[in-house]
Amino acid sequence: MSNADFLQAHVKRQLGGDTFMGPNTERKVLPECFTPKNNDEENDDISPEEKTELVLQDPKFGMFSLFAYHIYSGNHSFAMKRRNTVFCSHIFSLIFALPILVFLTQWIMYISIVRHQMRTYDGGICPNSAKTEERLLMVAVSLFYFIKSFFLWDNIVDRTHRKRMIPATSYIVMIDTFQEFGFNILVYLTNLWVIFAEKDFLNMFFNTIAMEFLMEMDNLFEREYFEYLPGVAVDIYDKYFVSYRDNLILVNQKSHDSFSFRCCRRITWLPFKFLILLFLILPVICFAMIFFGAVCK
């Protein structure tokens, strides 16, 4: 058994997975691996801090899921009653739909950056006009993304291999899932092009930082929100998070009962596989940009 065997089995497992079901946490990656613990053996006696972290780490729980919680449960303000404290972030998250505004902000900023680059760039595919320090920075950023691309994949894998998860029986959950997966990979690929197209040295450097912030904006909002009201995360975990087996049952039941849900599963199958492929080839793209950027920028 070698690393190549693990990699082959892992890729096959990810490509054969279902975004609604999530990875099978009860199945061995290879026969030689240790037997995974059954979800029924899980000790539910975990701290509020751990529950909060589990909610934050679930990629299927995002801005739309948080806003849906405010509509159906958060409007009763149980968390503030328990704390005997008033938090504006909780009140106005419902009144002004702050989680949805975060989602819109991310996409408006992203679209404006892309449109600006498309409007101002006139260098062609390989302008070959940059100074030495600009080429070196392009190489350094590509190297940085090449290294980070492996951790980005591991982060996604780790966050989808949890004992409990929010059930994928809602269209809102699917929107959050594709937002978390799709927006991250889109920002990485776009930023490589933005840095290649940018002519100003300092803008190249600060664009890298800005795009990283743009990618994490929704996660930062969640973390800051739960910092003031951790009881909300605990309530979400206790009420909505289920084991892999329970999620499997719920998804199959919803598929059996709802024609539109079955159509949604079929429609999202190809985009999900495409996202997985993009994550897999991201290191290759970043590695190619090291040489392409050095020669053509």
Protein backbone atom coordinates (compact mmCIF):
# COMPACT_ATOMS: atom_id res chain seq x y z
CA MET A 1 0.00 0.00 0.00
CA SER A 2 1.48 3.35 -1.08
CA ASN A 3 0.47 6.98 -1.26
CA ALA A 4 -0.50 6.41 -4.89
CA ASP A 5 -3.04 3.76 -3.77
CA PHE A 6 -4.53 6.20 -1.27
CA LEU A 7 -4.69 8.95 -3.88
CA GLN A 8 -6.33 6.73 -6.48
CA ALA A 9 -8.91 5.44 -4.00
CA HIS A 10 -9.58 8.95 -2.70
CA VAL A 11 -10.12 10.46 -6.15
CA LYS A 12 -12.41 7.59 -7.12
CA ARG A 13 -14.35 8.07 -3.91
CA GLN A 14 -14.76 11.82 -4.39
CA LEU A 15 -15.80 11.58 -8.03
CA GLY A 16 -18.28 8.85 -7.20
CA GLY A 17 -19.74 10.76 -4.26
CA ASP A 18 -23.06 12.57 -4.06
CA THR A 19 -23.19 16.18 -2.92
CA PHE A 20 -26.56 15.49 -1.25
CA MET A 21 -25.38 12.43 0.65
CA GLY A 22 -21.87 13.59 1.45
CA PRO A 23 -18.92 11.18 1.72
CA ASN A 24 -19.61 7.85 3.36
CA THR A 25 -17.80 8.23 6.69
CA GLU A 26 -18.49 4.58 7.58
CA ARG A 27 -16.61 3.08 4.63
CA LYS A 28 -12.89 2.39 4.53
CA VAL A 29 -10.77 4.26 1.99
CA LEU A 30 -8.67 1.10 1.52
CA PRO A 31 -9.17 -2.39 3.03
CA GLU A 32 -6.01 -1.92 5.12
CA CYS A 33 -7.44 1.14 6.89
CA PHE A 34 -8.88 1.00 10.38
CA THR A 35 -12.63 0.45 10.64
CA PRO A 36 -14.41 3.82 11.04
CA LYS A 37 -16.49 4.23 14.17
CA ASN A 38 -20.21 3.90 13.74
CA ASN A 39 -22.11 7.17 13.95
CA ASP A 40 -24.40 5.57 16.55
CA GLU A 41 -21.39 5.20 18.83
CA GLU A 42 -20.74 8.92 18.79
CA ASN A 43 -20.67 10.65 22.14
CA ASP A 44 -23.09 13.55 21.92
CA ASP A 45 -21.87 15.01 25.19
CA ILE A 46 -19.74 17.69 23.57
CA SER A 47 -19.17 21.26 24.66
CA PRO A 48 -20.98 24.31 23.22
CA GLU A 49 -17.65 25.47 21.79
CA GLU A 50 -17.24 22.21 19.89
CA LYS A 51 -20.79 22.41 18.58
CA THR A 52 -20.17 25.97 17.41
CA GLU A 53 -17.02 24.89 15.58
CA LEU A 54 -18.84 21.99 13.93
CA VAL A 55 -21.52 24.34 12.62
CA LEU A 56 -18.86 26.73 11.32
CA GLN A 57 -16.95 23.93 9.62
CA ASP A 58 -19.91 22.45 7.74
CA PRO A 59 -19.62 23.73 4.14
CA LYS A 60 -23.33 23.08 3.60
CA PHE A 61 -24.25 25.63 6.26
CA GLY A 62 -23.82 29.14 4.84
CA MET A 63 -25.49 32.50 4.55
CA PHE A 64 -28.80 31.22 3.19
CA SER A 65 -29.06 28.51 5.86
CA LEU A 66 -28.30 31.06 8.57
CA PHE A 67 -30.97 33.42 7.26
CA ALA A 68 -33.46 30.55 7.05
CA TYR A 69 -32.74 29.80 10.71
CA HIS A 70 -33.54 33.44 11.56
CA ILE A 71 -36.87 33.20 9.75
CA TYR A 72 -38.02 29.92 11.31
CA SER A 73 -36.35 29.90 14.75
CA GLY A 74 -34.19 32.95 15.34
CA ASN A 75 -37.14 35.34 15.30
CA HIS A 76 -38.09 34.07 18.77
CA SER A 77 -34.75 35.41 20.13
CA PHE A 78 -34.25 32.51 22.54
CA ALA A 79 -30.48 33.01 22.42
CA MET A 80 -30.76 36.64 23.58
CA LYS A 81 -33.24 35.69 26.29
CA ARG A 82 -30.80 33.13 27.67
CA ARG A 83 -27.98 35.68 27.63
CA ASN A 84 -30.23 38.49 28.91
CA THR A 85 -28.45 40.72 26.37
CA VAL A 86 -29.46 42.55 23.22
CA PHE A 87 -27.25 42.07 20.14
CA CYS A 88 -27.94 44.17 17.05
CA SER A 89 -26.31 41.58 14.79
CA HIS A 90 -29.04 39.11 15.75
CA ILE A 91 -31.96 41.53 15.44
CA PHE A 92 -30.92 43.11 12.16
CA SER A 93 -29.80 39.83 10.59
CA LEU A 94 -33.51 39.13 10.27
CA ILE A 95 -34.80 42.66 9.64
CA PHE A 96 -32.23 43.59 6.96
CA ALA A 97 -31.29 40.04 5.88
CA LEU A 98 -27.62 40.61 6.73
CA PRO A 99 -26.49 37.09 5.69
CA ILE A 100 -28.02 37.60 2.24
CA LEU A 101 -26.35 41.02 2.01
CA VAL A 102 -22.99 39.35 2.73
CA PHE A 103 -23.65 36.93 -0.14
CA LEU A 104 -24.56 39.81 -2.48
CA THR A 105 -21.51 41.81 -1.38
CA GLN A 106 -19.18 38.95 -2.24
CA TRP A 107 -20.58 38.57 -5.73
CA ILE A 108 -20.86 42.31 -6.44
CA MET A 109 -17.22 42.83 -5.45
CA TYR A 110 -16.14 39.82 -7.49
CA ILE A 111 -18.06 40.90 -10.60
CA SER A 112 -16.76 44.48 -10.34
CA ILE A 113 -13.15 43.26 -10.14
CA VAL A 114 -13.59 40.97 -13.14
CA ARG A 115 -15.32 43.65 -15.21
CA HIS A 116 -12.59 46.16 -14.40
CA GLN A 117 -9.89 43.75 -15.54
CA MET A 118 -11.78 42.88 -18.72
CA ARG A 119 -12.27 46.58 -19.52
CA THR A 120 -8.70 47.71 -18.82
CA TYR A 121 -6.63 44.74 -19.98
CA ASP A 122 -5.29 45.01 -23.52
CA GLY A 123 -2.08 43.00 -23.34
CA GLY A 124 -3.17 39.89 -25.20
CA ILE A 125 -2.41 36.32 -24.17
CA CYS A 126 1.33 36.79 -23.75
CA PRO A 127 2.30 40.50 -23.55
CA ASN A 128 5.82 39.78 -22.25
CA SER A 129 6.21 43.38 -21.06
CA ALA A 130 6.53 43.18 -17.26
CA LYS A 131 9.63 44.11 -15.32
CA THR A 132 11.75 41.54 -13.53
CA GLU A 133 10.30 42.19 -10.07
CA GLU A 134 6.76 41.87 -11.43
CA ARG A 135 7.57 38.52 -13.02
CA LEU A 136 9.16 37.35 -9.78
CA LEU A 137 6.05 38.33 -7.81
CA MET A 138 3.88 36.48 -10.32
CA VAL A 139 6.04 33.38 -9.83
CA ALA A 140 5.89 33.76 -6.03
CA VAL A 141 2.09 34.10 -5.99
CA SER A 142 1.69 31.09 -8.28
CA LEU A 143 4.00 29.09 -6.02
CA PHE A 144 1.99 30.20 -3.00
CA TYR A 145 -1.26 29.10 -4.64
CA PHE A 146 0.35 25.85 -5.79
CA ILE A 147 1.26 25.03 -2.18
CA LYS A 148 -2.05 26.24 -0.80
CA SER A 149 -4.12 24.32 -3.36
CA PHE A 150 -3.31 21.04 -1.59
CA PHE A 151 -4.47 22.46 1.75
CA LEU A 152 -7.59 23.88 0.10
CA TRP A 153 -8.52 20.38 -1.03
CA ASP A 154 -7.72 18.92 2.41
CA ASN A 155 -9.85 21.61 4.02
CA ILE A 156 -12.84 20.66 1.90
CA VAL A 157 -12.30 16.95 2.58
CA ASP A 158 -11.94 17.49 6.32
CA ARG A 159 -15.03 19.68 6.56
CA THR A 160 -17.18 17.12 4.72
CA HIS A 161 -16.04 14.21 6.92
CA ARG A 162 -17.89 15.09 10.11
CA LYS A 163 -19.92 12.79 12.31
CA ARG A 164 -22.90 15.10 12.02
CA MET A 165 -23.98 17.47 9.26
CA ILE A 166 -26.90 19.61 8.24
CA PRO A 167 -29.21 17.39 6.14
CA ALA A 168 -29.09 18.05 2.40
CA THR A 169 -32.85 18.01 1.94
CA SER A 170 -33.25 21.72 1.25
CA TYR A 171 -32.56 23.76 -1.87
CA ILE A 172 -31.09 26.42 0.43
CA VAL A 173 -28.47 23.94 1.62
CA MET A 174 -27.55 23.20 -1.98
CA ILE A 175 -27.07 26.90 -2.73
CA ASP A 176 -24.77 27.21 0.27
CA THR A 177 -22.82 24.11 -0.78
CA PHE A 178 -22.14 25.36 -4.29
CA GLN A 179 -21.36 28.82 -2.96
CA GLU A 180 -18.75 27.42 -0.58
CA PHE A 181 -17.15 25.10 -3.14
CA GLY A 182 -17.67 27.12 -6.30
CA PHE A 183 -16.84 30.60 -5.06
CA ASN A 184 -13.56 29.48 -3.49
CA ILE A 185 -12.27 27.82 -6.63
CA LEU A 186 -13.52 30.73 -8.75
CA VAL A 187 -11.66 33.27 -6.62
CA TYR A 188 -8.42 31.29 -6.81
CA LEU A 189 -8.52 30.96 -10.59
CA THR A 190 -9.62 34.56 -11.10
CA ASN A 191 -6.93 35.93 -8.82
CA LEU A 192 -4.21 34.19 -10.81
CA TRP A 193 -5.45 35.99 -13.91
CA VAL A 194 -5.92 39.33 -12.11
CA ILE A 195 -2.34 39.26 -10.87
CA PHE A 196 -1.12 38.30 -14.34
CA ALA A 197 -3.08 41.13 -15.94
CA GLU A 198 -2.27 43.79 -13.32
CA LYS A 199 0.53 46.16 -14.36
CA ASP A 200 1.16 47.89 -11.03
CA PHE A 201 3.50 46.03 -8.67
CA LEU A 202 1.81 47.04 -5.41
CA ASN A 203 -1.65 46.32 -6.82
CA MET A 204 -0.47 42.83 -7.68
CA PHE A 205 0.53 42.27 -4.07
CA PHE A 206 -2.57 43.78 -2.45
CA ASN A 207 -4.93 42.05 -4.89
CA THR A 208 -3.78 38.72 -3.47
CA ILE A 209 -4.74 39.80 0.04
CA ALA A 210 -8.01 41.40 -1.07
CA MET A 211 -9.20 38.30 -2.91
CA GLU A 212 -8.38 36.11 0.09
CA PHE A 213 -10.55 38.38 2.25
CA LEU A 214 -13.33 38.31 -0.34
CA MET A 215 -13.32 34.51 -0.28
CA GLU A 216 -13.56 34.34 3.52
CA MET A 217 -16.12 37.12 4.01
CA ASP A 218 -19.08 34.82 4.64
CA ASN A 219 -17.13 32.57 7.00
CA LEU A 220 -15.89 35.60 8.95
CA PHE A 221 -19.46 36.85 9.30
CA GLU A 222 -20.59 33.49 10.70
CA ARG A 223 -17.67 33.27 13.14
CA GLU A 224 -18.18 36.82 14.41
CA TYR A 225 -21.93 36.30 14.74
CA PHE A 226 -21.55 33.08 16.75
CA GLU A 227 -18.88 34.72 18.92
CA TYR A 228 -21.56 36.96 20.44
CA LEU A 229 -24.34 34.38 20.40
CA PRO A 230 -22.82 30.88 20.66
CA GLY A 231 -26.21 29.64 21.82
CA VAL A 232 -27.48 30.05 18.25
CA ALA A 233 -24.85 27.62 16.93
CA VAL A 234 -25.66 25.16 19.72
CA ASP A 235 -29.36 25.43 18.90
CA ILE A 236 -28.65 24.84 15.19
CA TYR A 237 -26.48 21.83 15.95
CA ASP A 238 -28.97 20.26 18.36
CA LYS A 239 -32.05 20.85 16.19
CA TYR A 240 -30.84 20.37 12.64
CA PHE A 241 -27.56 18.43 12.46
CA VAL A 242 -27.89 14.69 11.84
CA SER A 243 -25.62 11.68 11.35
CA TYR A 244 -24.59 10.36 7.94
CA ARG A 245 -27.14 7.55 8.16
CA ASP A 246 -29.95 9.91 9.11
CA ASN A 247 -29.01 12.22 6.25
CA LEU A 248 -29.07 9.24 3.88
CA ILE A 249 -32.57 8.31 5.01
CA LEU A 250 -33.85 11.89 4.80
CA VAL A 251 -32.44 12.48 1.31
CA ASN A 252 -33.81 9.19 -0.02
CA GLN A 253 -37.21 9.93 1.51
CA LYS A 254 -37.25 13.42 0.01
CA SER A 255 -36.23 12.02 -3.38
CA HIS A 256 -39.05 9.49 -3.20
CA ASP A 257 -41.67 12.07 -2.26
CA SER A 258 -40.65 15.06 -4.37
CA PHE A 259 -40.29 15.09 -8.16
CA SER A 260 -38.69 18.55 -8.12
CA PHE A 261 -36.09 17.36 -5.61
CA ARG A 262 -35.23 14.40 -7.84
CA CYS A 263 -34.80 16.80 -10.75
CA CYS A 264 -32.57 19.02 -8.60
CA ARG A 265 -30.31 16.06 -7.78
CA ARG A 266 -29.95 15.21 -11.47
CA ILE A 267 -29.34 18.81 -12.52
CA THR A 268 -26.67 19.43 -9.87
CA TRP A 269 -24.82 16.17 -10.49
CA LEU A 270 -22.69 17.47 -13.39
CA PRO A 271 -21.81 20.89 -11.85
CA PHE A 272 -20.75 19.17 -8.65
CA LYS A 273 -18.48 16.74 -10.50
CA PHE A 274 -17.03 19.65 -12.46
CA LEU A 275 -16.20 21.47 -9.22
CA ILE A 276 -14.48 18.36 -7.86
CA LEU A 277 -12.41 18.12 -11.05
CA LEU A 278 -11.44 21.79 -10.76
CA PHE A 279 -10.23 21.24 -7.21
CA LEU A 280 -8.22 18.23 -8.39
CA ILE A 281 -6.52 20.09 -11.26
CA LEU A 282 -6.01 23.36 -9.35
CA PRO A 283 -2.41 22.39 -8.39
CA VAL A 284 -1.69 21.70 -12.07
CA ILE A 285 -3.06 25.11 -13.10
CA CYS A 286 -1.07 26.90 -10.38
CA PHE A 287 2.10 25.02 -11.35
CA ALA A 288 1.62 25.94 -15.03
CA MET A 289 1.11 29.59 -14.09
CA ILE A 290 4.56 29.64 -12.45
CA PHE A 291 6.20 29.25 -15.86
CA PHE A 292 3.53 30.93 -17.96
CA GLY A 293 3.60 34.00 -15.71
CA ALA A 294 7.39 34.16 -15.67
CA VAL A 295 7.61 34.03 -19.46
CA CYS A 296 4.53 35.89 -20.62
CA LYS A 297 3.75 38.56 -18.03
